[in-house]
N, C-alpha and C. Protein backbone atom coordinates (compact mmCIF):
# COMPACT_ATOMS: atom_id res chain seq x y z
N UNK A 1 -18.87 -5.82 -13.05
CA UNK A 1 -18.43 -4.51 -12.59
C UNK A 1 -16.90 -4.46 -12.54
N UNK A 2 -16.32 -3.42 -13.11
CA UNK A 2 -14.87 -3.28 -13.09
C UNK A 2 -14.39 -2.94 -11.69
N UNK A 3 -13.10 -3.17 -11.44
CA UNK A 3 -12.54 -2.85 -10.13
C UNK A 3 -12.68 -1.37 -9.82
N UNK A 4 -12.45 -0.53 -10.81
CA UNK A 4 -12.56 0.91 -10.60
C UNK A 4 -13.99 1.30 -10.21
N UNK A 5 -14.98 0.78 -10.94
CA UNK A 5 -16.38 1.08 -10.64
C UNK A 5 -16.73 0.63 -9.23
N UNK A 6 -16.25 -0.56 -8.85
CA UNK A 6 -16.54 -1.08 -7.53
C UNK A 6 -16.00 -0.15 -6.44
N UNK A 7 -14.75 0.28 -6.58
CA UNK A 7 -14.14 1.08 -5.52
C UNK A 7 -14.66 2.52 -5.51
N UNK A 8 -15.03 3.04 -6.66
CA UNK A 8 -15.65 4.35 -6.66
C UNK A 8 -16.98 4.30 -5.90
N UNK A 9 -17.69 3.20 -6.04
CA UNK A 9 -18.96 3.04 -5.33
C UNK A 9 -18.73 2.92 -3.83
N UNK A 10 -17.73 2.15 -3.43
CA UNK A 10 -17.42 1.99 -2.00
C UNK A 10 -17.10 3.32 -1.36
N UNK A 11 -16.20 4.08 -2.00
CA UNK A 11 -15.81 5.37 -1.43
C UNK A 11 -16.92 6.41 -1.54
N UNK A 12 -17.83 6.22 -2.50
CA UNK A 12 -18.94 7.15 -2.62
C UNK A 12 -20.01 6.93 -1.58
N UNK A 13 -20.10 5.69 -1.08
CA UNK A 13 -21.16 5.34 -0.14
C UNK A 13 -20.75 5.49 1.32
N UNK A 14 -19.45 5.45 1.60
CA UNK A 14 -19.00 5.43 3.00
C UNK A 14 -18.08 6.61 3.29
N UNK A 15 -18.21 7.13 4.50
CA UNK A 15 -17.30 8.18 4.95
C UNK A 15 -15.93 7.58 5.20
N UNK A 16 -14.87 8.40 5.22
CA UNK A 16 -13.52 7.87 5.41
C UNK A 16 -13.36 7.00 6.66
N UNK A 17 -14.06 7.34 7.74
CA UNK A 17 -13.92 6.58 8.97
C UNK A 17 -14.94 5.45 9.10
N UNK A 18 -15.60 5.12 7.99
CA UNK A 18 -16.58 4.01 8.00
C UNK A 18 -16.08 2.78 7.27
N UNK A 19 -15.04 2.91 6.45
CA UNK A 19 -14.52 1.74 5.74
C UNK A 19 -13.82 0.84 6.74
N UNK A 20 -13.83 -0.47 6.49
CA UNK A 20 -13.38 -1.43 7.51
C UNK A 20 -11.90 -1.30 7.84
N UNK A 21 -11.09 -0.83 6.88
CA UNK A 21 -9.65 -0.75 7.11
C UNK A 21 -9.21 0.57 7.75
N UNK A 22 -10.16 1.41 8.10
CA UNK A 22 -9.84 2.74 8.63
C UNK A 22 -9.06 2.66 9.94
N UNK A 23 -8.02 3.46 10.03
CA UNK A 23 -7.30 3.75 11.27
C UNK A 23 -6.97 5.24 11.25
N UNK A 24 -7.08 5.91 12.40
CA UNK A 24 -6.75 7.34 12.42
C UNK A 24 -5.32 7.60 11.94
N UNK A 25 -4.40 6.72 12.34
CA UNK A 25 -3.00 6.83 11.92
C UNK A 25 -2.44 5.43 11.76
N UNK A 26 -1.58 5.25 10.77
CA UNK A 26 -0.95 3.95 10.51
C UNK A 26 0.42 3.92 11.20
N UNK A 27 0.39 3.74 12.51
CA UNK A 27 1.61 3.84 13.31
C UNK A 27 2.67 2.82 12.89
N UNK A 28 2.25 1.59 12.66
CA UNK A 28 3.22 0.55 12.28
C UNK A 28 3.83 0.84 10.92
N UNK A 29 3.03 1.32 10.00
CA UNK A 29 3.54 1.67 8.68
C UNK A 29 4.56 2.80 8.77
N UNK A 30 4.24 3.82 9.56
CA UNK A 30 5.16 4.95 9.73
C UNK A 30 6.48 4.47 10.31
N UNK A 31 6.41 3.60 11.32
CA UNK A 31 7.63 3.09 11.96
C UNK A 31 8.49 2.35 10.95
N UNK A 32 7.89 1.49 10.15
CA UNK A 32 8.64 0.71 9.17
C UNK A 32 9.23 1.60 8.07
N UNK A 33 8.47 2.60 7.67
CA UNK A 33 8.98 3.51 6.64
C UNK A 33 10.16 4.30 7.16
N UNK A 34 10.07 4.76 8.40
CA UNK A 34 11.19 5.50 8.98
C UNK A 34 12.43 4.61 9.11
N UNK A 35 12.22 3.35 9.45
CA UNK A 35 13.35 2.43 9.54
C UNK A 35 13.97 2.18 8.16
N UNK A 36 13.12 2.13 7.14
CA UNK A 36 13.60 1.85 5.79
C UNK A 36 14.27 3.06 5.16
N UNK A 37 13.79 4.26 5.48
CA UNK A 37 14.27 5.47 4.82
C UNK A 37 14.30 6.62 5.81
N UNK A 38 15.42 6.79 6.47
CA UNK A 38 15.55 7.92 7.39
C UNK A 38 15.78 9.23 6.65
N UNK A 39 16.29 9.15 5.43
CA UNK A 39 16.53 10.32 4.60
C UNK A 39 15.19 10.89 4.12
N UNK A 40 14.89 12.11 4.52
CA UNK A 40 13.59 12.71 4.19
C UNK A 40 13.46 13.06 2.71
N UNK A 41 14.55 12.94 1.94
CA UNK A 41 14.46 13.17 0.50
C UNK A 41 14.14 11.89 -0.26
N UNK A 42 13.98 10.78 0.45
CA UNK A 42 13.65 9.50 -0.20
C UNK A 42 12.28 9.57 -0.86
N UNK A 43 12.16 8.94 -2.01
CA UNK A 43 10.87 8.88 -2.71
C UNK A 43 10.05 7.71 -2.19
N UNK A 44 8.81 7.99 -1.82
CA UNK A 44 7.92 6.98 -1.23
C UNK A 44 6.63 6.95 -2.02
N UNK A 45 6.16 5.75 -2.33
CA UNK A 45 4.85 5.61 -2.96
C UNK A 45 3.94 4.79 -2.05
N UNK A 46 2.75 5.32 -1.80
CA UNK A 46 1.73 4.63 -1.01
C UNK A 46 0.71 4.05 -1.98
N UNK A 47 0.81 2.77 -2.21
CA UNK A 47 -0.05 2.08 -3.18
C UNK A 47 -1.39 1.76 -2.54
N UNK A 48 -2.46 2.23 -3.15
CA UNK A 48 -3.78 2.07 -2.55
C UNK A 48 -3.99 3.02 -1.39
N UNK A 49 -3.27 4.15 -1.40
CA UNK A 49 -3.33 5.09 -0.28
C UNK A 49 -4.69 5.70 -0.05
N UNK A 50 -5.43 5.95 -1.14
CA UNK A 50 -6.79 6.45 -1.02
C UNK A 50 -6.97 7.57 -0.02
N UNK A 51 -7.86 7.36 0.94
CA UNK A 51 -8.18 8.37 1.94
C UNK A 51 -7.26 8.30 3.16
N UNK A 52 -6.31 7.39 3.17
CA UNK A 52 -5.46 7.16 4.33
C UNK A 52 -4.73 8.43 4.78
N UNK A 53 -4.52 8.54 6.08
CA UNK A 53 -3.78 9.67 6.64
C UNK A 53 -2.27 9.43 6.64
N UNK A 54 -1.81 8.35 6.05
CA UNK A 54 -0.37 8.09 6.02
C UNK A 54 0.37 9.24 5.34
N UNK A 55 -0.19 9.76 4.27
CA UNK A 55 0.46 10.86 3.56
C UNK A 55 0.60 12.08 4.47
N UNK A 56 -0.41 12.36 5.27
CA UNK A 56 -0.35 13.49 6.22
C UNK A 56 0.82 13.32 7.17
N UNK A 57 0.95 12.11 7.72
CA UNK A 57 1.98 11.85 8.71
C UNK A 57 3.38 11.89 8.09
N UNK A 58 3.50 11.39 6.87
CA UNK A 58 4.81 11.43 6.21
C UNK A 58 5.23 12.87 5.92
N UNK A 59 4.28 13.70 5.51
CA UNK A 59 4.61 15.10 5.28
C UNK A 59 4.96 15.80 6.58
N UNK A 60 4.26 15.47 7.65
CA UNK A 60 4.55 16.07 8.96
C UNK A 60 5.96 15.69 9.42
N UNK A 61 6.41 14.51 9.04
CA UNK A 61 7.74 14.04 9.41
C UNK A 61 8.83 14.64 8.53
N UNK A 62 8.41 15.36 7.48
CA UNK A 62 9.38 16.03 6.64
C UNK A 62 9.74 15.33 5.35
N UNK A 63 9.05 14.24 5.02
CA UNK A 63 9.34 13.58 3.75
C UNK A 63 8.91 14.49 2.59
N UNK A 64 9.79 14.62 1.62
CA UNK A 64 9.61 15.63 0.57
C UNK A 64 9.08 15.08 -0.74
N UNK A 65 9.17 13.75 -0.94
CA UNK A 65 8.79 13.17 -2.23
C UNK A 65 7.85 11.99 -1.99
N UNK A 66 6.57 12.33 -1.78
CA UNK A 66 5.56 11.32 -1.48
C UNK A 66 4.58 11.23 -2.64
N UNK A 67 4.33 10.01 -3.09
CA UNK A 67 3.33 9.75 -4.13
C UNK A 67 2.23 8.87 -3.54
N UNK A 68 0.99 9.15 -3.90
CA UNK A 68 -0.15 8.35 -3.45
C UNK A 68 -0.89 7.85 -4.68
N UNK A 69 -1.03 6.53 -4.77
CA UNK A 69 -1.72 5.91 -5.90
C UNK A 69 -2.97 5.21 -5.40
N UNK A 70 -4.06 5.40 -6.10
CA UNK A 70 -5.29 4.67 -5.78
C UNK A 70 -6.13 4.57 -7.04
N UNK A 71 -6.90 3.51 -7.12
CA UNK A 71 -7.76 3.30 -8.28
C UNK A 71 -8.98 4.22 -8.25
N UNK A 72 -9.30 4.74 -7.05
CA UNK A 72 -10.50 5.57 -6.88
C UNK A 72 -10.18 7.06 -6.89
N UNK A 73 -10.75 7.77 -7.84
CA UNK A 73 -10.60 9.22 -7.88
C UNK A 73 -11.27 9.86 -6.67
N UNK A 74 -12.40 9.30 -6.23
CA UNK A 74 -13.11 9.86 -5.07
C UNK A 74 -12.25 9.78 -3.81
N UNK A 75 -11.55 8.67 -3.63
CA UNK A 75 -10.70 8.52 -2.46
C UNK A 75 -9.55 9.53 -2.48
N UNK A 76 -8.93 9.67 -3.64
CA UNK A 76 -7.84 10.64 -3.78
C UNK A 76 -8.34 12.05 -3.49
N UNK A 77 -9.52 12.38 -3.96
CA UNK A 77 -10.08 13.71 -3.77
C UNK A 77 -10.28 14.02 -2.29
N UNK A 78 -10.71 13.02 -1.52
CA UNK A 78 -10.89 13.22 -0.08
C UNK A 78 -9.56 13.59 0.57
N UNK A 79 -8.51 12.85 0.23
CA UNK A 79 -7.20 13.12 0.81
C UNK A 79 -6.70 14.50 0.41
N UNK A 80 -6.90 14.87 -0.85
CA UNK A 80 -6.45 16.18 -1.32
C UNK A 80 -7.17 17.30 -0.58
N UNK A 81 -8.46 17.17 -0.41
CA UNK A 81 -9.23 18.21 0.28
C UNK A 81 -8.83 18.29 1.75
N UNK A 82 -8.53 17.16 2.35
CA UNK A 82 -8.11 17.16 3.76
C UNK A 82 -6.78 17.90 3.94
N UNK A 83 -5.86 17.70 3.01
CA UNK A 83 -4.54 18.32 3.10
C UNK A 83 -4.55 19.80 2.72
N UNK A 84 -5.51 20.21 1.93
CA UNK A 84 -5.57 21.61 1.51
C UNK A 84 -4.41 21.94 0.58
N UNK A 85 -3.80 23.12 0.78
CA UNK A 85 -2.74 23.58 -0.11
C UNK A 85 -1.53 22.65 -0.11
N UNK A 86 -1.32 21.95 1.01
CA UNK A 86 -0.18 21.03 1.10
C UNK A 86 -0.29 19.89 0.09
N UNK A 87 -1.50 19.62 -0.38
CA UNK A 87 -1.70 18.54 -1.35
C UNK A 87 -0.88 18.77 -2.62
N UNK A 88 -0.57 20.03 -2.90
CA UNK A 88 0.20 20.33 -4.11
C UNK A 88 1.63 19.81 -4.05
N UNK A 89 2.10 19.43 -2.86
CA UNK A 89 3.45 18.90 -2.73
C UNK A 89 3.50 17.39 -2.94
N UNK A 90 2.34 16.77 -3.13
CA UNK A 90 2.24 15.32 -3.29
C UNK A 90 1.97 14.97 -4.75
N UNK A 91 2.52 13.86 -5.20
CA UNK A 91 2.18 13.35 -6.53
C UNK A 91 1.00 12.39 -6.38
N UNK A 92 -0.11 12.69 -7.05
CA UNK A 92 -1.33 11.89 -6.96
C UNK A 92 -1.51 11.10 -8.24
N UNK A 93 -1.74 9.80 -8.11
CA UNK A 93 -1.87 8.91 -9.25
C UNK A 93 -3.18 8.13 -9.14
N UNK A 94 -4.11 8.38 -10.04
CA UNK A 94 -5.36 7.62 -10.07
C UNK A 94 -5.17 6.49 -11.08
N UNK A 95 -4.79 5.33 -10.58
CA UNK A 95 -4.39 4.22 -11.44
C UNK A 95 -4.74 2.89 -10.79
N UNK A 96 -4.88 1.86 -11.62
CA UNK A 96 -4.90 0.47 -11.18
C UNK A 96 -3.44 0.03 -11.10
N UNK A 97 -2.98 -0.40 -9.93
CA UNK A 97 -1.56 -0.68 -9.75
C UNK A 97 -1.07 -1.78 -10.69
N UNK A 98 -1.96 -2.67 -11.12
CA UNK A 98 -1.52 -3.73 -12.03
C UNK A 98 -1.35 -3.24 -13.46
N UNK A 99 -1.81 -2.01 -13.75
CA UNK A 99 -1.74 -1.50 -15.12
C UNK A 99 -1.03 -0.15 -15.22
N UNK A 100 -0.72 0.46 -14.12
CA UNK A 100 -0.12 1.80 -14.12
C UNK A 100 1.25 1.80 -14.79
N UNK A 101 1.63 2.93 -15.34
CA UNK A 101 2.97 3.11 -15.90
C UNK A 101 3.75 3.97 -14.91
N UNK A 102 4.62 3.34 -14.16
CA UNK A 102 5.38 4.03 -13.12
C UNK A 102 6.82 4.25 -13.58
N UNK A 103 7.48 5.27 -13.05
CA UNK A 103 8.86 5.53 -13.45
C UNK A 103 9.79 4.40 -12.99
N UNK A 104 10.81 4.16 -13.76
CA UNK A 104 11.76 3.09 -13.42
C UNK A 104 12.69 3.51 -12.29
N UNK A 105 12.91 2.57 -11.36
CA UNK A 105 13.86 2.72 -10.27
C UNK A 105 13.71 4.07 -9.55
N UNK A 106 12.50 4.45 -9.31
CA UNK A 106 12.19 5.76 -8.73
C UNK A 106 12.09 5.74 -7.20
N UNK A 107 11.44 4.72 -6.64
CA UNK A 107 11.01 4.78 -5.25
C UNK A 107 11.96 4.04 -4.31
N UNK A 108 12.29 4.69 -3.21
CA UNK A 108 13.05 4.04 -2.15
C UNK A 108 12.16 3.11 -1.35
N UNK A 109 10.90 3.52 -1.15
CA UNK A 109 9.95 2.74 -0.37
C UNK A 109 8.64 2.60 -1.14
N UNK A 110 8.17 1.37 -1.24
CA UNK A 110 6.84 1.03 -1.78
C UNK A 110 6.02 0.55 -0.59
N UNK A 111 4.94 1.25 -0.26
CA UNK A 111 4.09 0.88 0.86
C UNK A 111 2.71 0.49 0.35
N UNK A 112 2.20 -0.59 0.89
CA UNK A 112 0.87 -1.10 0.49
C UNK A 112 0.16 -1.60 1.73
N UNK A 113 -0.92 -0.95 2.09
CA UNK A 113 -1.79 -1.48 3.14
C UNK A 113 -3.15 -1.77 2.53
N UNK A 114 -3.46 -3.09 2.46
CA UNK A 114 -4.79 -3.55 2.04
C UNK A 114 -5.05 -3.46 0.54
N UNK A 115 -4.01 -3.73 -0.27
CA UNK A 115 -4.22 -3.86 -1.71
C UNK A 115 -3.93 -5.30 -2.16
N UNK A 116 -2.77 -5.80 -1.80
CA UNK A 116 -2.32 -7.08 -2.35
C UNK A 116 -3.29 -8.22 -2.06
N UNK A 117 -3.97 -8.18 -0.92
CA UNK A 117 -4.88 -9.30 -0.62
C UNK A 117 -6.12 -9.31 -1.51
N UNK A 118 -6.38 -8.21 -2.23
CA UNK A 118 -7.50 -8.19 -3.17
C UNK A 118 -7.11 -8.78 -4.54
N UNK A 119 -5.86 -9.04 -4.75
CA UNK A 119 -5.40 -9.59 -6.03
C UNK A 119 -5.51 -11.10 -5.97
N UNK A 120 -6.67 -11.61 -6.36
CA UNK A 120 -6.96 -13.03 -6.19
C UNK A 120 -6.48 -13.86 -7.38
N UNK A 121 -6.24 -13.21 -8.51
CA UNK A 121 -5.79 -13.93 -9.70
C UNK A 121 -4.26 -13.92 -9.77
N UNK A 122 -3.64 -15.06 -10.09
CA UNK A 122 -2.18 -15.10 -10.20
C UNK A 122 -1.61 -14.05 -11.15
N UNK A 123 -2.32 -13.77 -12.25
CA UNK A 123 -1.81 -12.78 -13.20
C UNK A 123 -1.81 -11.38 -12.60
N UNK A 124 -2.76 -11.10 -11.71
CA UNK A 124 -2.79 -9.80 -11.04
C UNK A 124 -1.60 -9.66 -10.10
N UNK A 125 -1.34 -10.71 -9.34
CA UNK A 125 -0.20 -10.67 -8.42
C UNK A 125 1.12 -10.57 -9.18
N UNK A 126 1.20 -11.27 -10.30
CA UNK A 126 2.42 -11.21 -11.11
C UNK A 126 2.64 -9.80 -11.65
N UNK A 127 1.57 -9.15 -12.08
CA UNK A 127 1.68 -7.78 -12.59
C UNK A 127 2.11 -6.82 -11.48
N UNK A 128 1.58 -7.02 -10.29
CA UNK A 128 1.94 -6.20 -9.13
C UNK A 128 3.43 -6.33 -8.85
N UNK A 129 3.93 -7.55 -8.83
CA UNK A 129 5.35 -7.77 -8.54
C UNK A 129 6.22 -7.14 -9.63
N UNK A 130 5.81 -7.25 -10.87
CA UNK A 130 6.57 -6.62 -11.95
C UNK A 130 6.64 -5.11 -11.76
N UNK A 131 5.55 -4.52 -11.33
CA UNK A 131 5.53 -3.08 -11.10
C UNK A 131 6.52 -2.70 -10.00
N UNK A 132 6.50 -3.45 -8.91
CA UNK A 132 7.41 -3.15 -7.80
C UNK A 132 8.86 -3.32 -8.23
N UNK A 133 9.15 -4.38 -8.96
CA UNK A 133 10.52 -4.61 -9.42
C UNK A 133 11.00 -3.49 -10.34
N UNK A 134 10.11 -3.02 -11.16
CA UNK A 134 10.47 -2.00 -12.15
C UNK A 134 10.67 -0.63 -11.50
N UNK A 135 9.83 -0.30 -10.53
CA UNK A 135 9.82 1.08 -10.04
C UNK A 135 10.61 1.30 -8.76
N UNK A 136 11.02 0.22 -8.09
CA UNK A 136 11.83 0.39 -6.89
C UNK A 136 13.27 0.71 -7.26
N UNK A 137 13.86 1.61 -6.50
CA UNK A 137 15.27 1.94 -6.68
C UNK A 137 16.13 0.79 -6.21
N UNK A 138 17.39 0.74 -6.63
CA UNK A 138 18.30 -0.30 -6.13
C UNK A 138 18.29 -0.34 -4.60
N UNK A 139 18.20 -1.55 -4.07
CA UNK A 139 18.13 -1.75 -2.61
C UNK A 139 16.89 -1.11 -1.99
N UNK A 140 15.84 -0.95 -2.79
CA UNK A 140 14.60 -0.37 -2.29
C UNK A 140 13.87 -1.28 -1.32
N UNK A 141 12.85 -0.72 -0.67
CA UNK A 141 12.10 -1.43 0.37
C UNK A 141 10.64 -1.59 -0.04
N UNK A 142 10.10 -2.76 0.23
CA UNK A 142 8.69 -3.07 -0.02
C UNK A 142 8.04 -3.38 1.32
N UNK A 143 7.08 -2.55 1.72
CA UNK A 143 6.40 -2.71 3.00
C UNK A 143 4.94 -3.00 2.72
N UNK A 144 4.45 -4.13 3.23
CA UNK A 144 3.08 -4.56 2.95
C UNK A 144 2.34 -4.81 4.26
N UNK A 145 1.06 -4.45 4.28
CA UNK A 145 0.17 -4.77 5.39
C UNK A 145 -1.10 -5.35 4.78
N UNK A 146 -1.26 -6.65 4.91
CA UNK A 146 -2.35 -7.35 4.25
C UNK A 146 -2.95 -8.37 5.22
N UNK A 147 -4.09 -8.94 4.84
CA UNK A 147 -4.75 -9.89 5.73
C UNK A 147 -3.85 -11.09 5.99
N UNK A 148 -3.69 -11.41 7.28
CA UNK A 148 -2.87 -12.53 7.69
C UNK A 148 -3.62 -13.85 7.55
N UNK A 149 -3.00 -14.96 7.99
CA UNK A 149 -3.60 -16.29 7.80
C UNK A 149 -4.93 -16.48 8.49
N UNK A 150 -5.22 -15.68 9.51
CA UNK A 150 -6.51 -15.77 10.19
C UNK A 150 -7.37 -14.53 9.92
N UNK A 151 -7.04 -13.79 8.90
CA UNK A 151 -7.80 -12.61 8.54
C UNK A 151 -9.10 -12.95 7.83
N UNK A 152 -9.87 -11.95 7.44
CA UNK A 152 -11.14 -12.18 6.75
C UNK A 152 -10.95 -12.89 5.41
N UNK A 153 -11.99 -13.55 4.97
CA UNK A 153 -11.98 -14.19 3.65
C UNK A 153 -12.61 -13.29 2.60
N UNK A 154 -13.35 -12.28 3.06
CA UNK A 154 -13.98 -11.32 2.17
C UNK A 154 -13.83 -9.92 2.77
N UNK A 155 -13.85 -8.92 1.90
CA UNK A 155 -13.81 -7.53 2.36
C UNK A 155 -14.46 -6.65 1.31
N UNK A 156 -15.31 -5.75 1.73
CA UNK A 156 -15.99 -4.82 0.82
C UNK A 156 -16.69 -5.55 -0.32
N UNK A 157 -17.26 -6.71 -0.02
CA UNK A 157 -18.00 -7.47 -1.02
C UNK A 157 -17.14 -8.25 -1.99
N UNK A 158 -15.84 -8.33 -1.74
CA UNK A 158 -14.93 -9.04 -2.64
C UNK A 158 -14.21 -10.16 -1.92
N UNK A 159 -13.89 -11.21 -2.66
CA UNK A 159 -13.04 -12.27 -2.12
C UNK A 159 -11.63 -11.73 -1.96
N UNK A 160 -10.92 -12.25 -0.97
CA UNK A 160 -9.52 -11.86 -0.76
C UNK A 160 -8.68 -13.12 -0.61
N UNK A 161 -7.37 -12.91 -0.66
CA UNK A 161 -6.42 -13.99 -0.41
C UNK A 161 -5.63 -13.65 0.84
N UNK A 162 -5.67 -14.51 1.83
CA UNK A 162 -4.91 -14.30 3.06
C UNK A 162 -3.48 -14.81 2.86
N UNK A 163 -2.55 -14.21 3.60
CA UNK A 163 -1.15 -14.55 3.39
C UNK A 163 -0.42 -14.74 4.70
N UNK A 164 0.63 -15.56 4.65
CA UNK A 164 1.60 -15.64 5.72
C UNK A 164 2.95 -15.27 5.12
N UNK A 165 4.00 -15.11 5.92
CA UNK A 165 5.28 -14.70 5.36
C UNK A 165 5.80 -15.62 4.26
N UNK A 166 5.59 -16.91 4.41
CA UNK A 166 6.08 -17.84 3.40
C UNK A 166 5.37 -17.64 2.07
N UNK A 167 4.05 -17.51 2.10
CA UNK A 167 3.32 -17.34 0.84
C UNK A 167 3.69 -16.01 0.17
N UNK A 168 3.92 -14.98 0.99
CA UNK A 168 4.35 -13.70 0.40
C UNK A 168 5.70 -13.85 -0.29
N UNK A 169 6.63 -14.54 0.36
CA UNK A 169 7.94 -14.76 -0.26
C UNK A 169 7.80 -15.51 -1.57
N UNK A 170 6.91 -16.47 -1.62
CA UNK A 170 6.70 -17.24 -2.85
C UNK A 170 6.12 -16.37 -3.95
N UNK A 171 5.17 -15.50 -3.60
CA UNK A 171 4.55 -14.63 -4.60
C UNK A 171 5.53 -13.57 -5.11
N UNK A 172 6.33 -13.02 -4.21
CA UNK A 172 7.24 -11.95 -4.61
C UNK A 172 8.45 -12.49 -5.37
N UNK A 173 8.83 -13.71 -5.10
CA UNK A 173 9.91 -14.32 -5.87
C UNK A 173 11.29 -14.04 -5.31
N UNK A 174 12.31 -14.47 -6.05
CA UNK A 174 13.68 -14.45 -5.54
C UNK A 174 14.34 -13.08 -5.48
N UNK A 175 13.69 -12.05 -6.00
CA UNK A 175 14.31 -10.73 -6.03
C UNK A 175 14.11 -9.94 -4.73
N UNK A 176 13.33 -10.49 -3.81
CA UNK A 176 13.07 -9.80 -2.55
C UNK A 176 13.51 -10.65 -1.37
N UNK A 177 14.07 -9.99 -0.37
CA UNK A 177 14.45 -10.64 0.88
C UNK A 177 13.56 -10.13 2.00
N UNK A 178 13.01 -11.07 2.79
CA UNK A 178 12.17 -10.70 3.93
C UNK A 178 13.05 -10.24 5.08
N UNK A 179 12.83 -9.03 5.56
CA UNK A 179 13.59 -8.46 6.67
C UNK A 179 12.88 -8.70 7.99
N UNK A 180 11.56 -8.48 8.01
CA UNK A 180 10.80 -8.66 9.25
C UNK A 180 9.33 -8.86 8.92
N UNK A 181 8.60 -9.45 9.87
CA UNK A 181 7.15 -9.59 9.73
C UNK A 181 6.54 -9.68 11.11
N UNK A 182 5.32 -9.20 11.23
CA UNK A 182 4.60 -9.32 12.48
C UNK A 182 3.10 -9.21 12.22
N UNK A 183 2.33 -9.75 13.14
CA UNK A 183 0.87 -9.73 13.04
C UNK A 183 0.31 -8.62 13.92
N UNK A 184 -0.75 -8.00 13.42
CA UNK A 184 -1.42 -6.93 14.16
C UNK A 184 -2.92 -7.17 14.13
N UNK A 185 -3.58 -6.97 15.25
CA UNK A 185 -5.04 -7.05 15.29
C UNK A 185 -5.61 -5.67 15.04
N UNK A 186 -6.30 -5.54 13.93
CA UNK A 186 -6.94 -4.27 13.58
C UNK A 186 -8.41 -4.34 13.96
N UNK A 187 -8.90 -3.29 14.59
CA UNK A 187 -10.31 -3.20 14.93
C UNK A 187 -11.01 -2.29 13.92
N UNK A 188 -12.02 -2.82 13.26
CA UNK A 188 -12.77 -2.03 12.29
C UNK A 188 -13.62 -1.01 13.03
N UNK A 189 -14.12 0.02 12.32
CA UNK A 189 -15.02 0.98 12.97
C UNK A 189 -16.23 0.31 13.62
N UNK A 190 -16.61 -0.86 13.10
CA UNK A 190 -17.74 -1.59 13.68
C UNK A 190 -17.36 -2.48 14.85
N UNK A 191 -16.06 -2.52 15.18
CA UNK A 191 -15.61 -3.28 16.35
C UNK A 191 -15.14 -4.69 16.06
N UNK A 192 -15.13 -5.10 14.81
CA UNK A 192 -14.67 -6.44 14.48
C UNK A 192 -13.15 -6.50 14.41
N UNK A 193 -12.61 -7.66 14.79
CA UNK A 193 -11.16 -7.85 14.75
C UNK A 193 -10.75 -8.40 13.39
N UNK A 194 -9.69 -7.83 12.82
CA UNK A 194 -9.12 -8.32 11.57
C UNK A 194 -7.62 -8.50 11.77
N UNK A 195 -7.13 -9.65 11.37
CA UNK A 195 -5.69 -9.89 11.49
C UNK A 195 -4.96 -9.38 10.26
N UNK A 196 -4.01 -8.47 10.49
CA UNK A 196 -3.16 -7.96 9.42
C UNK A 196 -1.74 -8.50 9.61
N UNK A 197 -1.12 -8.82 8.50
CA UNK A 197 0.29 -9.20 8.48
C UNK A 197 1.09 -8.04 7.92
N UNK A 198 2.04 -7.55 8.69
CA UNK A 198 2.99 -6.54 8.22
C UNK A 198 4.27 -7.24 7.82
N UNK A 199 4.76 -6.95 6.64
CA UNK A 199 6.00 -7.57 6.16
C UNK A 199 6.87 -6.52 5.49
N UNK A 200 8.16 -6.57 5.78
CA UNK A 200 9.13 -5.62 5.24
C UNK A 200 10.16 -6.40 4.43
N UNK A 201 10.24 -6.08 3.14
CA UNK A 201 11.17 -6.73 2.23
C UNK A 201 12.16 -5.70 1.68
N UNK A 202 13.32 -6.16 1.29
CA UNK A 202 14.24 -5.32 0.54
C UNK A 202 14.49 -5.96 -0.82
N UNK A 203 14.73 -5.11 -1.78
CA UNK A 203 15.02 -5.57 -3.14
C UNK A 203 16.49 -5.97 -3.23
N UNK A 204 16.73 -7.16 -3.71
CA UNK A 204 18.11 -7.60 -3.86
C UNK A 204 18.83 -6.76 -4.90
N UNK A 205 20.13 -6.66 -4.72
CA UNK A 205 20.94 -5.90 -5.66
C UNK A 205 20.81 -6.48 -7.05
N UNK A 206 20.51 -5.61 -8.03
CA UNK A 206 20.36 -6.07 -9.40
C UNK A 206 21.72 -6.43 -9.98
N UNK A 207 21.75 -7.54 -10.68
CA UNK A 207 22.98 -7.95 -11.32
C UNK A 207 23.16 -7.22 -12.65
N UNK A 208 24.38 -6.87 -12.97
CA UNK A 208 24.64 -6.17 -14.22
C UNK A 208 24.22 -7.02 -15.40
N UNK A 209 23.59 -6.36 -16.36
CA UNK A 209 23.14 -7.06 -17.58
C UNK A 209 21.82 -7.76 -17.39
């Protein structure tokens, strides 16, 4: 089964508030994004945004250039219907982040909650990093929320890779500097505890040539 088929099935079978990663609002993500980009004209991409309400909150805060990328068309459709006419102000991308063609040096902030830990193959992680390097603006910010060292080993029927700040730095490579990290206990709709690692990186200044 392809990744797209798998995620279309997940979103087709479960309501938005039934998936394990559901939160009514991503408060920590919003805080980090505001710290990274106080300018409301900054371009932000939410990678794996799906049905998340992060886009709602960013629009409420006045951010004018928000993009939401997800591999699942069904997930994107839920978010669009929830936003109504306001959805027309958002750029929606139904893509696999490891294969998408994104604009160069476009985004001030790249946000990812619960995508990177599903990339279990080194080539997938390498493709992800290449995408971020290519599409982030100079001095851009990379904000990730993924399973921490004591997080689940599986999610939605798939194996995952848990991370700590050191392993993230190793995967992202020398072009990113870690600004901050912290652990958060997320409670699933079923009441189970999941450890998430939040990490905020900045892109190092590109050297000429």
